[in-house]
Amino acid sequence: MDKRALECFVALAEELHFRRASQRCHISQPGLSQQIRRLEDQLQVQLVHRSKRHVSLTRAGVVFLAEARKVLFTMVRAVDLTRETDRGVVGHLRVGATASALFILLPDIAARFRAALPHAELTVAHLTTAEQEAALKEGDIQVGICHPPVSDPALACITLAELPFDVVLSSDNPLTRKRILTLKDLADETFILFPRDVGPRLYDQIISLCHQQGFSPRQILEASPAQSIVAMAACNLGVGFIASKVQHYDRPLAVFRKLSGPGPFLTLGAASLGEPQPPMVRQFLDLATAAAAALE
């Protein structure tokens, strides 16, 4: 029993006319008759009542028509799904993202992903950059939105965006009288930073910039995630640094100020296993690049 025989039977069952059915199937009438008889022989069941002027389905033929339509639909869908999977438009993509990426970039990427690939499934896990590297190697995720660089040379990583940081401080801090701050303005302040094991590059970057400006932070408190930094700053325990795009952490008694001159920046990148990359991964990376460009 093949697809062609099923198509011929469905056409005859719907047309109830050999000539019209043969035209629809682009086959001769004798050829159509042979397909139907071969199908009946395989089933050992009569499907069609035939006469010179009339064609009708047997009771078995009526039942078989419904099932044949299902089979044909399934066959067509199987071909479509296979081709769509090869093009990367269906399937399941697992993505890891840091906390800042979840707030800054993932909402736009996810919206673009759903619009471009409506039949694909996207799941996102909150992972640090180090956790993403391990998850990529284990196959638990296929893409990581991270803070470059990555340490594993087997991973490919592209830079998506570099975003400046704002200073977050208590509304009681005298520095709030200034609309724009410099790093030197913070020389006498306690710094509230992400732990170095969470964001080593950012931590070292801030300390290095302070040294370049001729001072070291008076004291360093560590906090994570970013909401905790904002909360501690609001309590006047020190000043923190929050990516300028993450303004939904606003709290009563917390104030944000722009930084002028040398200052830290947040780098967002996309890490994945090296070539060859699955089509869906390539499409996700293209969408992530477009979403990052829209941040400008």
C-alpha atoms as a PDB file:
ATOM      1  CA  MET A   1       0.000   0.000   0.000  1.00  0.00           C
ATOM      2  CA  ASP A   2       1.632   3.226  -1.114  1.00  0.00           C
ATOM      3  CA  LYS A   3       0.846   6.917  -1.010  1.00  0.00           C
ATOM      4  CA  ARG A   4      -0.136   7.020  -4.678  1.00  0.00           C
ATOM      5  CA  ALA A   5      -2.785   4.317  -4.239  1.00  0.00           C
ATOM      6  CA  LEU A   6      -4.272   6.142  -1.261  1.00  0.00           C
ATOM      7  CA  GLU A   7      -4.382   9.409  -3.201  1.00  0.00           C
ATOM      8  CA  CYS A   8      -6.180   7.704  -6.084  1.00  0.00           C
ATOM      9  CA  PHE A   9      -8.721   6.130  -3.753  1.00  0.00           C
ATOM     10  CA  VAL A  10      -9.432   9.419  -1.933  1.00  0.00           C
ATOM     11  CA  ALA A  11      -9.852  11.225  -5.247  1.00  0.00           C
ATOM     12  CA  LEU A  12     -12.314   8.605  -6.526  1.00  0.00           C
ATOM     13  CA  ALA A  13     -14.194   8.560  -3.207  1.00  0.00           C
ATOM     14  CA  GLU A  14     -14.590  12.335  -3.297  1.00  0.00           C
ATOM     15  CA  GLU A  15     -15.394  12.661  -7.005  1.00  0.00           C
ATOM     16  CA  LEU A  16     -17.393   9.400  -7.391  1.00  0.00           C
ATOM     17  CA  HIS A  17     -16.460   9.639 -11.054  1.00  0.00           C
ATOM     18  CA  PHE A  18     -13.540   7.807 -12.692  1.00  0.00           C
ATOM     19  CA  ARG A  19     -12.807  10.445 -15.329  1.00  0.00           C
ATOM     20  CA  ARG A  20     -12.749  13.366 -12.913  1.00  0.00           C
ATOM     21  CA  ALA A  21     -10.724  11.380 -10.394  1.00  0.00           C
ATOM     22  CA  SER A  22      -8.189  10.345 -13.042  1.00  0.00           C
ATOM     23  CA  GLN A  23      -7.833  13.967 -14.197  1.00  0.00           C
ATOM     24  CA  ARG A  24      -7.335  15.098 -10.622  1.00  0.00           C
ATOM     25  CA  CYS A  25      -4.620  12.502 -10.109  1.00  0.00           C
ATOM     26  CA  HIS A  26      -3.051  13.113 -13.543  1.00  0.00           C
ATOM     27  CA  ILE A  27      -3.414   9.449 -14.429  1.00  0.00           C
ATOM     28  CA  SER A  28      -5.334   7.533 -17.091  1.00  0.00           C
ATOM     29  CA  GLN A  29      -8.665   5.964 -16.203  1.00  0.00           C
ATOM     30  CA  PRO A  30      -7.276   2.418 -16.662  1.00  0.00           C
ATOM     31  CA  GLY A  31      -4.346   3.369 -14.443  1.00  0.00           C
ATOM     32  CA  LEU A  32      -6.712   4.680 -11.781  1.00  0.00           C
ATOM     33  CA  SER A  33      -8.765   1.487 -11.921  1.00  0.00           C
ATOM     34  CA  GLN A  34      -5.605  -0.580 -11.505  1.00  0.00           C
ATOM     35  CA  GLN A  35      -4.598   1.416  -8.428  1.00  0.00           C
ATOM     36  CA  ILE A  36      -8.021   0.891  -6.827  1.00  0.00           C
ATOM     37  CA  ARG A  37      -8.102  -2.845  -7.632  1.00  0.00           C
ATOM     38  CA  ARG A  38      -4.556  -3.312  -6.314  1.00  0.00           C
ATOM     39  CA  LEU A  39      -5.572  -1.574  -3.110  1.00  0.00           C
ATOM     40  CA  GLU A  40      -8.649  -3.785  -2.737  1.00  0.00           C
ATOM     41  CA  ASP A  41      -6.532  -6.885  -3.370  1.00  0.00           C
ATOM     42  CA  GLN A  42      -4.082  -5.840  -0.658  1.00  0.00           C
ATOM     43  CA  LEU A  43      -6.899  -5.212   1.800  1.00  0.00           C
ATOM     44  CA  GLN A  44      -8.933  -8.194   0.605  1.00  0.00           C
ATOM     45  CA  VAL A  45     -11.958  -5.912   0.874  1.00  0.00           C
ATOM     46  CA  GLN A  46     -14.164  -4.309  -1.779  1.00  0.00           C
ATOM     47  CA  LEU A  47     -14.039  -0.546  -1.366  1.00  0.00           C
ATOM     48  CA  VAL A  48     -16.029   0.656  -4.390  1.00  0.00           C
ATOM     49  CA  HIS A  49     -19.275  -0.370  -6.083  1.00  0.00           C
ATOM     50  CA  ARG A  50     -18.798   0.082  -9.834  1.00  0.00           C
ATOM     51  CA  SER A  51     -21.291   0.296 -12.688  1.00  0.00           C
ATOM     52  CA  LYS A  52     -21.211   2.001 -16.075  1.00  0.00           C
ATOM     53  CA  ARG A  53     -23.116   5.008 -14.772  1.00  0.00           C
ATOM     54  CA  HIS A  54     -22.570   4.994 -11.039  1.00  0.00           C
ATOM     55  CA  VAL A  55     -19.725   4.807  -8.536  1.00  0.00           C
ATOM     56  CA  SER A  56     -20.309   4.526  -4.793  1.00  0.00           C
ATOM     57  CA  LEU A  57     -18.396   3.449  -1.724  1.00  0.00           C
ATOM     58  CA  THR A  58     -19.063   0.274   0.174  1.00  0.00           C
ATOM     59  CA  ARG A  59     -19.463   0.516   3.941  1.00  0.00           C
ATOM     60  CA  ALA A  60     -15.862  -0.609   4.246  1.00  0.00           C
ATOM     61  CA  GLY A  61     -14.894   2.047   1.703  1.00  0.00           C
ATOM     62  CA  VAL A  62     -16.516   4.793   3.793  1.00  0.00           C
ATOM     63  CA  VAL A  63     -14.512   3.719   6.836  1.00  0.00           C
ATOM     64  CA  PHE A  64     -11.319   3.381   4.812  1.00  0.00           C
ATOM     65  CA  LEU A  65     -11.773   6.872   3.326  1.00  0.00           C
ATOM     66  CA  ALA A  66     -11.608   8.494   6.758  1.00  0.00           C
ATOM     67  CA  GLU A  67      -8.501   6.514   7.683  1.00  0.00           C
ATOM     68  CA  ALA A  68      -6.828   7.104   4.317  1.00  0.00           C
ATOM     69  CA  ARG A  69      -7.233  10.860   4.747  1.00  0.00           C
ATOM     70  CA  LYS A  70      -5.565  10.636   8.162  1.00  0.00           C
ATOM     71  CA  VAL A  71      -2.685   8.605   6.752  1.00  0.00           C
ATOM     72  CA  LEU A  72      -2.123  11.043   3.888  1.00  0.00           C
ATOM     73  CA  PHE A  73      -2.222  14.009   6.264  1.00  0.00           C
ATOM     74  CA  THR A  74       0.281  12.293   8.552  1.00  0.00           C
ATOM     75  CA  MET A  75       2.590  11.499   5.637  1.00  0.00           C
ATOM     76  CA  VAL A  76       2.505  15.089   4.397  1.00  0.00           C
ATOM     77  CA  ARG A  77       3.049  16.396   7.923  1.00  0.00           C
ATOM     78  CA  ALA A  78       5.986  14.026   8.425  1.00  0.00           C
ATOM     79  CA  VAL A  79       7.665  15.367   5.295  1.00  0.00           C
ATOM     80  CA  ASP A  80       6.956  18.977   6.291  1.00  0.00           C
ATOM     81  CA  LEU A  81       8.257  18.489   9.835  1.00  0.00           C
ATOM     82  CA  THR A  82      11.399  16.778   8.586  1.00  0.00           C
ATOM     83  CA  ARG A  83      12.140  19.601   6.183  1.00  0.00           C
ATOM     84  CA  GLU A  84      11.282  22.264   8.771  1.00  0.00           C
ATOM     85  CA  THR A  85      13.553  20.583  11.303  1.00  0.00           C
ATOM     86  CA  ASP A  86      16.372  20.549   8.773  1.00  0.00           C
ATOM     87  CA  ARG A  87      15.821  24.286   8.230  1.00  0.00           C
ATOM     88  CA  GLY A  88      15.705  24.884  11.979  1.00  0.00           C
ATOM     89  CA  VAL A  89      12.121  26.133  12.184  1.00  0.00           C
ATOM     90  CA  VAL A  90      10.761  23.397  14.481  1.00  0.00           C
ATOM     91  CA  GLY A  91      12.249  21.640  17.468  1.00  0.00           C
ATOM     92  CA  HIS A  92      13.336  22.556  20.978  1.00  0.00           C
ATOM     93  CA  LEU A  93      16.079  25.051  21.829  1.00  0.00           C
ATOM     94  CA  ARG A  94      17.498  25.214  25.352  1.00  0.00           C
ATOM     95  CA  VAL A  95      19.179  28.488  26.305  1.00  0.00           C
ATOM     96  CA  GLY A  96      21.090  29.578  29.395  1.00  0.00           C
ATOM     97  CA  ALA A  97      21.236  33.229  30.439  1.00  0.00           C
ATOM     98  CA  THR A  98      22.817  35.307  33.175  1.00  0.00           C
ATOM     99  CA  ALA A  99      20.580  37.436  35.390  1.00  0.00           C
ATOM    100  CA  SER A 100      21.364  40.641  33.511  1.00  0.00           C
ATOM    101  CA  ALA A 101      20.794  38.955  30.153  1.00  0.00           C
ATOM    102  CA  LEU A 102      17.397  37.747  31.355  1.00  0.00           C
ATOM    103  CA  PHE A 103      16.309  41.319  32.006  1.00  0.00           C
ATOM    104  CA  ILE A 104      18.125  43.207  29.268  1.00  0.00           C
ATOM    105  CA  LEU A 105      18.170  41.001  26.194  1.00  0.00           C
ATOM    106  CA  LEU A 106      16.150  37.790  26.550  1.00  0.00           C
ATOM    107  CA  PRO A 107      12.657  39.347  26.385  1.00  0.00           C
ATOM    108  CA  ASP A 108      13.345  40.816  22.942  1.00  0.00           C
ATOM    109  CA  ILE A 109      15.140  37.694  21.710  1.00  0.00           C
ATOM    110  CA  ALA A 110      12.275  35.481  22.890  1.00  0.00           C
ATOM    111  CA  ALA A 111       9.698  37.682  21.157  1.00  0.00           C
ATOM    112  CA  ARG A 112      11.678  37.584  17.914  1.00  0.00           C
ATOM    113  CA  PHE A 113      12.133  33.813  18.251  1.00  0.00           C
ATOM    114  CA  ARG A 114       8.402  33.203  18.682  1.00  0.00           C
ATOM    115  CA  ALA A 115       7.592  35.430  15.706  1.00  0.00           C
ATOM    116  CA  ALA A 116      10.180  33.829  13.415  1.00  0.00           C
ATOM    117  CA  LEU A 117       9.763  30.220  14.592  1.00  0.00           C
ATOM    118  CA  PRO A 118       6.183  29.819  15.839  1.00  0.00           C
ATOM    119  CA  HIS A 119       6.384  26.012  15.847  1.00  0.00           C
ATOM    120  CA  ALA A 120       9.637  25.823  17.823  1.00  0.00           C
ATOM    121  CA  GLU A 121       9.906  25.552  21.603  1.00  0.00           C
ATOM    122  CA  LEU A 122      12.261  27.767  23.614  1.00  0.00           C
ATOM    123  CA  THR A 123      13.238  27.126  27.228  1.00  0.00           C
ATOM    124  CA  VAL A 124      15.528  29.385  29.258  1.00  0.00           C
ATOM    125  CA  ALA A 125      17.530  28.592  32.398  1.00  0.00           C
ATOM    126  CA  HIS A 126      19.176  31.132  34.711  1.00  0.00           C
ATOM    127  CA  LEU A 127      22.875  30.216  34.727  1.00  0.00           C
ATOM    128  CA  THR A 128      26.105  32.077  35.395  1.00  0.00           C
ATOM    129  CA  THR A 129      28.674  32.210  32.612  1.00  0.00           C
ATOM    130  CA  ALA A 130      30.692  29.403  34.227  1.00  0.00           C
ATOM    131  CA  GLU A 131      27.565  27.288  34.621  1.00  0.00           C
ATOM    132  CA  GLN A 132      26.693  27.905  30.981  1.00  0.00           C
ATOM    133  CA  GLU A 133      30.083  26.634  29.842  1.00  0.00           C
ATOM    134  CA  ALA A 134      29.556  23.392  31.754  1.00  0.00           C
ATOM    135  CA  ALA A 135      25.974  23.067  30.500  1.00  0.00           C
ATOM    136  CA  LEU A 136      27.049  23.581  26.886  1.00  0.00           C
ATOM    137  CA  LYS A 137      29.672  20.848  27.161  1.00  0.00           C
ATOM    138  CA  GLU A 138      27.171  18.482  28.804  1.00  0.00           C
ATOM    139  CA  GLY A 139      24.536  19.212  26.155  1.00  0.00           C
ATOM    140  CA  ASP A 140      22.079  20.619  28.704  1.00  0.00           C
ATOM    141  CA  ILE A 141      21.808  23.879  26.747  1.00  0.00           C
ATOM    142  CA  GLN A 142      22.603  24.754  23.149  1.00  0.00           C
ATOM    143  CA  VAL A 143      23.217  28.498  23.516  1.00  0.00           C
ATOM    144  CA  GLY A 144      24.342  30.628  26.443  1.00  0.00           C
ATOM    145  CA  ILE A 145      23.806  34.379  26.764  1.00  0.00           C
ATOM    146  CA  CYS A 146      26.833  35.131  28.898  1.00  0.00           C
ATOM    147  CA  HIS A 147      29.502  37.639  29.864  1.00  0.00           C
ATOM    148  CA  PRO A 148      32.549  36.993  27.640  1.00  0.00           C
ATOM    149  CA  PRO A 149      35.201  35.814  27.517  1.00  0.00           C
ATOM    150  CA  VAL A 150      34.566  32.099  27.955  1.00  0.00           C
ATOM    151  CA  SER A 151      37.427  29.955  29.184  1.00  0.00           C
ATOM    152  CA  ASP A 152      36.840  26.843  27.060  1.00  0.00           C
ATOM    153  CA  PRO A 153      38.471  27.163  23.612  1.00  0.00           C
ATOM    154  CA  ALA A 154      36.058  24.539  22.271  1.00  0.00           C
ATOM    155  CA  LEU A 155      33.207  27.036  22.612  1.00  0.00           C
ATOM    156  CA  ALA A 156      32.420  29.720  20.064  1.00  0.00           C
ATOM    157  CA  CYS A 157      31.440  33.074  21.555  1.00  0.00           C
ATOM    158  CA  ILE A 158      30.282  36.224  19.789  1.00  0.00           C
ATOM    159  CA  THR A 159      29.954  39.648  21.403  1.00  0.00           C
ATOM    160  CA  LEU A 160      26.408  40.971  21.258  1.00  0.00           C
ATOM    161  CA  ALA A 161      26.546  44.259  23.168  1.00  0.00           C
ATOM    162  CA  GLU A 162      28.645  46.403  25.481  1.00  0.00           C
ATOM    163  CA  LEU A 163      26.531  48.480  27.857  1.00  0.00           C
ATOM    164  CA  PRO A 164      27.630  51.197  30.292  1.00  0.00           C
ATOM    165  CA  PHE A 165      26.904  51.003  34.000  1.00  0.00           C
ATOM    166  CA  ASP A 166      25.043  53.542  36.102  1.00  0.00           C
ATOM    167  CA  VAL A 167      25.782  54.188  39.761  1.00  0.00           C
ATOM    168  CA  VAL A 168      23.031  53.281  42.225  1.00  0.00           C
ATOM    169  CA  LEU A 169      23.096  55.000  45.598  1.00  0.00           C
ATOM    170  CA  SER A 170      20.872  55.981  48.461  1.00  0.00           C
ATOM    171  CA  SER A 171      18.695  59.054  48.097  1.00  0.00           C
ATOM    172  CA  ASP A 172      20.359  60.222  51.354  1.00  0.00           C
ATOM    173  CA  ASN A 173      23.828  60.171  49.791  1.00  0.00           C
ATOM    174  CA  PRO A 174      25.123  63.728  49.196  1.00  0.00           C
ATOM    175  CA  LEU A 175      26.400  62.630  45.774  1.00  0.00           C
ATOM    176  CA  THR A 176      22.798  62.612  44.533  1.00  0.00           C
ATOM    177  CA  ARG A 177      23.080  66.399  44.254  1.00  0.00           C
ATOM    178  CA  LYS A 178      25.107  65.758  41.108  1.00  0.00           C
ATOM    179  CA  ARG A 179      23.247  64.681  37.980  1.00  0.00           C
ATOM    180  CA  ILE A 180      26.331  62.963  36.538  1.00  0.00           C
ATOM    181  CA  LEU A 181      29.126  61.319  38.507  1.00  0.00           C
ATOM    182  CA  THR A 182      32.698  60.316  37.766  1.00  0.00           C
ATOM    183  CA  LEU A 183      34.513  57.350  39.207  1.00  0.00           C
ATOM    184  CA  LYS A 184      36.689  59.748  41.254  1.00  0.00           C
ATOM    185  CA  ASP A 185      33.542  61.048  42.953  1.00  0.00           C
ATOM    186  CA  LEU A 186      33.167  57.583  44.472  1.00  0.00           C
ATOM    187  CA  ALA A 187      36.652  57.394  45.996  1.00  0.00           C
ATOM    188  CA  ASP A 188      35.388  57.645  49.584  1.00  0.00           C
ATOM    189  CA  GLU A 189      32.443  55.293  49.113  1.00  0.00           C
ATOM    190  CA  THR A 190      31.951  51.639  49.986  1.00  0.00           C
ATOM    191  CA  PHE A 191      31.487  49.636  46.792  1.00  0.00           C
ATOM    192  CA  ILE A 192      28.764  46.995  46.491  1.00  0.00           C
ATOM    193  CA  LEU A 193      29.885  44.552  43.807  1.00  0.00           C
ATOM    194  CA  PHE A 194      28.901  41.196  42.407  1.00  0.00           C
ATOM    195  CA  PRO A 195      31.087  38.476  43.970  1.00  0.00           C
ATOM    196  CA  ARG A 196      34.218  37.913  41.950  1.00  0.00           C
ATOM    197  CA  ASP A 197      33.349  34.261  41.326  1.00  0.00           C
ATOM    198  CA  VAL A 198      30.064  35.410  39.732  1.00  0.00           C
ATOM    199  CA  GLY A 199      31.494  38.184  37.547  1.00  0.00           C
ATOM    200  CA  PRO A 200      35.307  38.059  37.626  1.00  0.00           C
ATOM    201  CA  ARG A 201      35.809  40.263  34.590  1.00  0.00           C
ATOM    202  CA  LEU A 202      33.504  43.020  35.875  1.00  0.00           C
ATOM    203  CA  TYR A 203      34.969  42.854  39.374  1.00  0.00           C
ATOM    204  CA  ASP A 204      38.542  43.165  38.100  1.00  0.00           C
ATOM    205  CA  GLN A 205      37.520  45.849  35.609  1.00  0.00           C
ATOM    206  CA  ILE A 206      36.079  48.076  38.353  1.00  0.00           C
ATOM    207  CA  ILE A 207      39.108  47.643  40.638  1.00  0.00           C
ATOM    208  CA  SER A 208      41.490  48.369  37.748  1.00  0.00           C
ATOM    209  CA  LEU A 209      39.581  51.519  36.756  1.00  0.00           C
ATOM    210  CA  CYS A 210      39.719  52.754  40.344  1.00  0.00           C
ATOM    211  CA  HIS A 211      43.477  52.236  40.414  1.00  0.00           C
ATOM    212  CA  GLN A 212      43.789  54.165  37.151  1.00  0.00           C
ATOM    213  CA  GLN A 213      41.934  57.037  38.828  1.00  0.00           C
ATOM    214  CA  GLY A 214      44.360  56.974  41.746  1.00  0.00           C
ATOM    215  CA  PHE A 215      42.398  55.216  44.481  1.00  0.00           C
ATOM    216  CA  SER A 216      41.246  51.849  45.772  1.00  0.00           C
ATOM    217  CA  PRO A 217      37.711  51.215  47.022  1.00  0.00           C
ATOM    218  CA  ARG A 218      37.522  52.010  50.747  1.00  0.00           C
ATOM    219  CA  GLN A 219      35.567  48.840  51.387  1.00  0.00           C
ATOM    220  CA  ILE A 220      33.921  46.211  49.194  1.00  0.00           C
ATOM    221  CA  LEU A 221      30.648  44.493  49.994  1.00  0.00           C
ATOM    222  CA  GLU A 222      29.464  41.650  47.792  1.00  0.00           C
ATOM    223  CA  ALA A 223      25.879  41.030  46.731  1.00  0.00           C
ATOM    224  CA  SER A 224      23.976  39.078  44.104  1.00  0.00           C
ATOM    225  CA  PRO A 225      21.692  39.281  42.186  1.00  0.00           C
ATOM    226  CA  ALA A 226      21.420  42.875  40.982  1.00  0.00           C
ATOM    227  CA  GLN A 227      18.235  43.479  42.997  1.00  0.00           C
ATOM    228  CA  SER A 228      20.288  42.913  46.151  1.00  0.00           C
ATOM    229  CA  ILE A 229      22.825  45.523  45.081  1.00  0.00           C
ATOM    230  CA  VAL A 230      20.030  48.048  44.560  1.00  0.00           C
ATOM    231  CA  ALA A 231      18.455  47.172  47.912  1.00  0.00           C
ATOM    232  CA  MET A 232      21.763  47.533  49.776  1.00  0.00           C
ATOM    233  CA  ALA A 233      22.442  50.862  48.079  1.00  0.00           C
ATOM    234  CA  ALA A 234      18.955  52.040  49.059  1.00  0.00           C
ATOM    235  CA  CYS A 235      19.896  51.199  52.667  1.00  0.00           C
ATOM    236  CA  ASN A 236      22.901  53.532  52.301  1.00  0.00           C
ATOM    237  CA  LEU A 237      25.390  50.703  52.783  1.00  0.00           C
ATOM    238  CA  GLY A 238      27.418  51.804  49.775  1.00  0.00           C
ATOM    239  CA  VAL A 239      27.216  52.480  46.052  1.00  0.00           C
ATOM    240  CA  GLY A 240      26.714  49.871  43.369  1.00  0.00           C
ATOM    241  CA  PHE A 241      26.960  49.542  39.620  1.00  0.00           C
ATOM    242  CA  ILE A 242      23.942  48.482  37.573  1.00  0.00           C
ATOM    243  CA  ALA A 243      23.801  48.162  33.783  1.00  0.00           C
ATOM    244  CA  SER A 244      22.061  51.249  32.424  1.00  0.00           C
ATOM    245  CA  LYS A 245      19.423  49.152  30.652  1.00  0.00           C
ATOM    246  CA  VAL A 246      18.279  47.556  33.911  1.00  0.00           C
ATOM    247  CA  GLN A 247      16.124  50.331  35.271  1.00  0.00           C
ATOM    248  CA  HIS A 248      13.265  48.107  36.415  1.00  0.00           C
ATOM    249  CA  TYR A 249      15.165  47.651  39.688  1.00  0.00           C
ATOM    250  CA  ASP A 250      14.067  51.128  40.792  1.00  0.00           C
ATOM    251  CA  ARG A 251      13.177  51.148  44.480  1.00  0.00           C
ATOM    252  CA  PRO A 252      12.108  53.854  46.907  1.00  0.00           C
ATOM    253  CA  LEU A 253      15.229  55.496  48.376  1.00  0.00           C
ATOM    254  CA  ALA A 254      17.435  54.231  45.506  1.00  0.00           C
ATOM    255  CA  VAL A 255      18.750  56.738  42.967  1.00  0.00           C
ATOM    256  CA  PHE A 256      20.553  56.103  39.671  1.00  0.00           C
ATOM    257  CA  ARG A 257      23.199  58.416  38.258  1.00  0.00           C
ATOM    258  CA  LYS A 258      25.059  58.291  34.955  1.00  0.00           C
ATOM    259  CA  LEU A 259      28.841  57.877  34.953  1.00  0.00           C
ATOM    260  CA  SER A 260      31.018  60.236  32.946  1.00  0.00           C
ATOM    261  CA  GLY A 261      34.551  59.412  31.864  1.00  0.00           C
ATOM    262  CA  PRO A 262      36.186  56.031  32.446  1.00  0.00           C
ATOM    263  CA  GLY A 263      33.719  53.522  33.810  1.00  0.00           C
ATOM    264  CA  PRO A 264      32.849  49.841  33.783  1.00  0.00           C
ATOM    265  CA  PHE A 265      30.747  48.289  31.070  1.00  0.00           C
ATOM    266  CA  LEU A 266      28.735  45.116  30.763  1.00  0.00           C
ATOM    267  CA  THR A 267      29.555  42.773  27.896  1.00  0.00           C
ATOM    268  CA  LEU A 268      26.861  40.399  26.691  1.00  0.00           C
ATOM    269  CA  GLY A 269      27.762  37.564  24.360  1.00  0.00           C
ATOM    270  CA  ALA A 270      26.354  34.347  22.952  1.00  0.00           C
ATOM    271  CA  ALA A 271      28.270  31.111  23.460  1.00  0.00           C
ATOM    272  CA  SER A 272      27.646  27.844  21.658  1.00  0.00           C
ATOM    273  CA  LEU A 273      29.473  24.735  20.583  1.00  0.00           C
ATOM    274  CA  GLY A 274      31.713  25.202  17.571  1.00  0.00           C
ATOM    275  CA  GLU A 275      30.876  24.352  13.980  1.00  0.00           C
ATOM    276  CA  PRO A 276      28.826  22.776  12.604  1.00  0.00           C
ATOM    277  CA  GLN A 277      25.968  24.529  14.389  1.00  0.00           C
ATOM    278  CA  PRO A 278      22.389  23.241  14.066  1.00  0.00           C
ATOM    279  CA  PRO A 279      20.143  25.477  11.931  1.00  0.00           C
ATOM    280  CA  MET A 280      18.039  26.531  14.924  1.00  0.00           C
ATOM    281  CA  VAL A 281      21.137  27.640  16.832  1.00  0.00           C
ATOM    282  CA  ARG A 282      22.263  29.713  13.862  1.00  0.00           C
ATOM    283  CA  GLN A 283      18.834  31.316  13.611  1.00  0.00           C
ATOM    284  CA  PHE A 284      18.796  32.074  17.340  1.00  0.00           C
ATOM    285  CA  LEU A 285      22.210  33.726  17.115  1.00  0.00           C
ATOM    286  CA  ASP A 286      21.008  35.885  14.218  1.00  0.00           C
ATOM    287  CA  LEU A 287      17.951  36.914  16.242  1.00  0.00           C
ATOM    288  CA  ALA A 288      20.115  37.636  19.291  1.00  0.00           C
ATOM    289  CA  THR A 289      22.402  39.828  17.193  1.00  0.00           C
ATOM    290  CA  ALA A 290      19.406  41.772  15.873  1.00  0.00           C
ATOM    291  CA  ALA A 291      17.971  42.192  19.383  1.00  0.00           C
ATOM    292  CA  ALA A 292      21.316  43.440  20.681  1.00  0.00           C
ATOM    293  CA  ALA A 293      21.568  45.961  17.845  1.00  0.00           C
ATOM    294  CA  ALA A 294      18.155  47.308  18.859  1.00  0.00           C
ATOM    295  CA  LEU A 295      19.535  48.158  22.314  1.00  0.00           C
ATOM    296  CA  GLU A 296      21.555  51.016  20.849  1.00  0.00           C
END
